[in-house]
């Protein structure tokens, strides 16, 4: 804490330290409601974990049950095919442009 009044603040704090007596242990007492609330928080934190598709598949009956994994695999394959078609189309356009540039160059230079 950076302050000119640090000593003024420190004078206000008091930490109680119980003195041992009776040779009897006095552990901290935590109310049951607080312990239950902490347990609920831990339980909710574990519930918020992301379920993987394999976990969902296992919950829904195993590998024989219809799964979205196959859907994603087929979608990825379709996207790859579409990308390949776009690349082929772009290559064809590049070839046409190259031929057009060659023809234009030949016309300009009268080859």
Protein backbone atom coordinates (compact mmCIF):
# COMPACT_ATOMS: atom_id res chain seq x y z
CA UNK A 1 0.00 0.00 0.00
CA UNK A 2 1.56 3.28 -1.08
CA UNK A 3 0.29 6.20 0.88
CA UNK A 4 1.47 8.96 3.15
CA UNK A 5 -1.18 7.92 5.64
CA UNK A 6 -0.02 4.31 5.80
CA UNK A 7 0.70 4.46 9.51
CA UNK A 8 -2.77 5.90 10.16
CA UNK A 9 -4.34 2.96 8.35
CA UNK A 10 -2.15 0.39 10.08
CA UNK A 11 -3.18 1.73 13.48
CA UNK A 12 -6.81 0.88 12.65
CA UNK A 13 -6.15 -2.80 12.00
CA UNK A 14 -6.09 -5.37 14.76
CA UNK A 15 -5.63 -9.08 14.26
CA UNK A 16 -6.93 -11.20 17.10
CA UNK A 17 -4.78 -14.19 17.96
CA UNK A 18 -6.40 -16.50 20.52
CA UNK A 19 -4.20 -17.71 23.33
CA UNK A 20 -4.12 -21.45 23.96
CA UNK A 21 -5.87 -22.54 27.12
CA UNK A 22 -7.25 -25.73 28.68
CA UNK A 23 -4.96 -27.81 26.45
CA UNK A 24 -7.98 -28.26 24.23
CA UNK A 25 -7.96 -28.02 20.45
CA UNK A 26 -10.26 -25.44 18.99
CA UNK A 27 -10.27 -25.91 15.21
CA UNK A 28 -11.98 -23.33 13.02
CA UNK A 29 -15.74 -23.74 12.88
CA UNK A 30 -17.14 -23.52 9.35
CA UNK A 31 -20.95 -23.55 9.09
CA UNK A 32 -22.50 -26.41 7.12
CA UNK A 33 -24.27 -24.00 4.78
CA UNK A 34 -20.93 -22.53 3.75
CA UNK A 35 -19.48 -25.99 3.11
CA UNK A 36 -22.54 -26.91 1.02
CA UNK A 37 -22.22 -23.68 -0.98
CA UNK A 38 -18.55 -24.42 -1.70
CA UNK A 39 -19.44 -27.96 -2.77
CA UNK A 40 -22.11 -26.59 -5.13
CA UNK A 41 -19.60 -24.19 -6.68
CA UNK A 42 -17.15 -27.03 -7.29
CA UNK A 43 -19.93 -29.17 -8.76
CA UNK A 44 -21.08 -26.38 -11.07
CA UNK A 45 -17.50 -25.75 -12.20
CA UNK A 46 -17.16 -29.39 -13.23
CA UNK A 47 -20.51 -29.28 -15.04
CA UNK A 48 -19.42 -26.30 -17.12
CA UNK A 49 -16.70 -28.32 -18.83
CA UNK A 50 -17.11 -28.62 -22.58
CA UNK A 51 -18.60 -31.91 -23.71
CA UNK A 52 -16.70 -33.37 -26.62
CA UNK A 53 -18.59 -35.09 -29.40
CA UNK A 54 -17.16 -38.44 -28.36
CA UNK A 55 -18.54 -37.86 -24.85
CA UNK A 56 -21.95 -36.99 -26.28
CA UNK A 57 -21.81 -40.09 -28.47
CA UNK A 58 -21.08 -42.25 -25.41
CA UNK A 59 -23.96 -40.64 -23.51
CA UNK A 60 -26.37 -41.27 -26.39
CA UNK A 61 -25.72 -44.96 -26.78
CA UNK A 62 -22.24 -45.47 -28.11
CA UNK A 63 -20.75 -45.68 -31.58
CA UNK A 64 -23.82 -47.32 -33.14
CA UNK A 65 -25.93 -44.26 -32.38
CA UNK A 66 -26.02 -41.61 -35.10
CA UNK A 67 -23.37 -39.05 -34.50
CA UNK A 68 -22.49 -35.58 -35.62
CA UNK A 69 -18.88 -36.67 -36.11
CA UNK A 70 -19.72 -38.20 -39.48
CA UNK A 71 -21.57 -35.01 -40.37
CA UNK A 72 -18.46 -32.93 -39.64
CA UNK A 73 -16.24 -35.32 -41.61
CA UNK A 74 -18.51 -35.15 -44.66
CA UNK A 75 -18.79 -31.38 -44.33
CA UNK A 76 -15.00 -31.09 -44.21
CA UNK A 77 -14.69 -33.28 -47.31
CA UNK A 78 -17.28 -31.17 -49.15
CA UNK A 79 -15.47 -27.98 -48.15
CA UNK A 80 -12.17 -29.44 -49.38
CA UNK A 81 -13.76 -30.37 -52.72
CA UNK A 82 -15.24 -26.88 -53.06
CA UNK A 83 -11.86 -25.32 -52.30
CA UNK A 84 -10.19 -27.58 -54.88
CA UNK A 85 -12.77 -26.53 -57.49
CA UNK A 86 -12.10 -22.87 -56.68
CA UNK A 87 -8.35 -23.41 -57.06
CA UNK A 88 -8.88 -25.14 -60.41
CA UNK A 89 -11.11 -22.29 -61.58
CA UNK A 90 -8.53 -19.74 -60.47
CA UNK A 91 -5.79 -21.67 -62.29
CA UNK A 92 -7.90 -21.65 -65.46
CA UNK A 93 -8.39 -17.89 -65.14
CA UNK A 94 -4.64 -17.42 -64.67
CA UNK A 95 -3.97 -19.46 -67.83
CA UNK A 96 -6.47 -17.36 -69.81
CA UNK A 97 -4.92 -14.14 -68.52
CA UNK A 98 -1.41 -15.40 -69.35
CA UNK A 99 -2.48 -16.24 -72.91
CA UNK A 100 -4.17 -12.84 -73.25
CA UNK A 101 -1.02 -11.08 -72.02
CA UNK A 102 1.10 -13.08 -74.46
CA UNK A 103 -1.21 -12.20 -77.36
CA UNK A 104 -1.28 -8.53 -76.33
CA UNK A 105 2.50 -8.49 -76.09
CA UNK A 106 2.81 -10.10 -79.53
CA UNK A 107 0.42 -7.54 -81.02
CA UNK A 108 2.26 -4.62 -79.43
CA UNK A 109 5.68 -5.86 -80.51
CA UNK A 110 4.30 -7.14 -83.83
CA UNK A 111 5.89 -10.53 -83.48
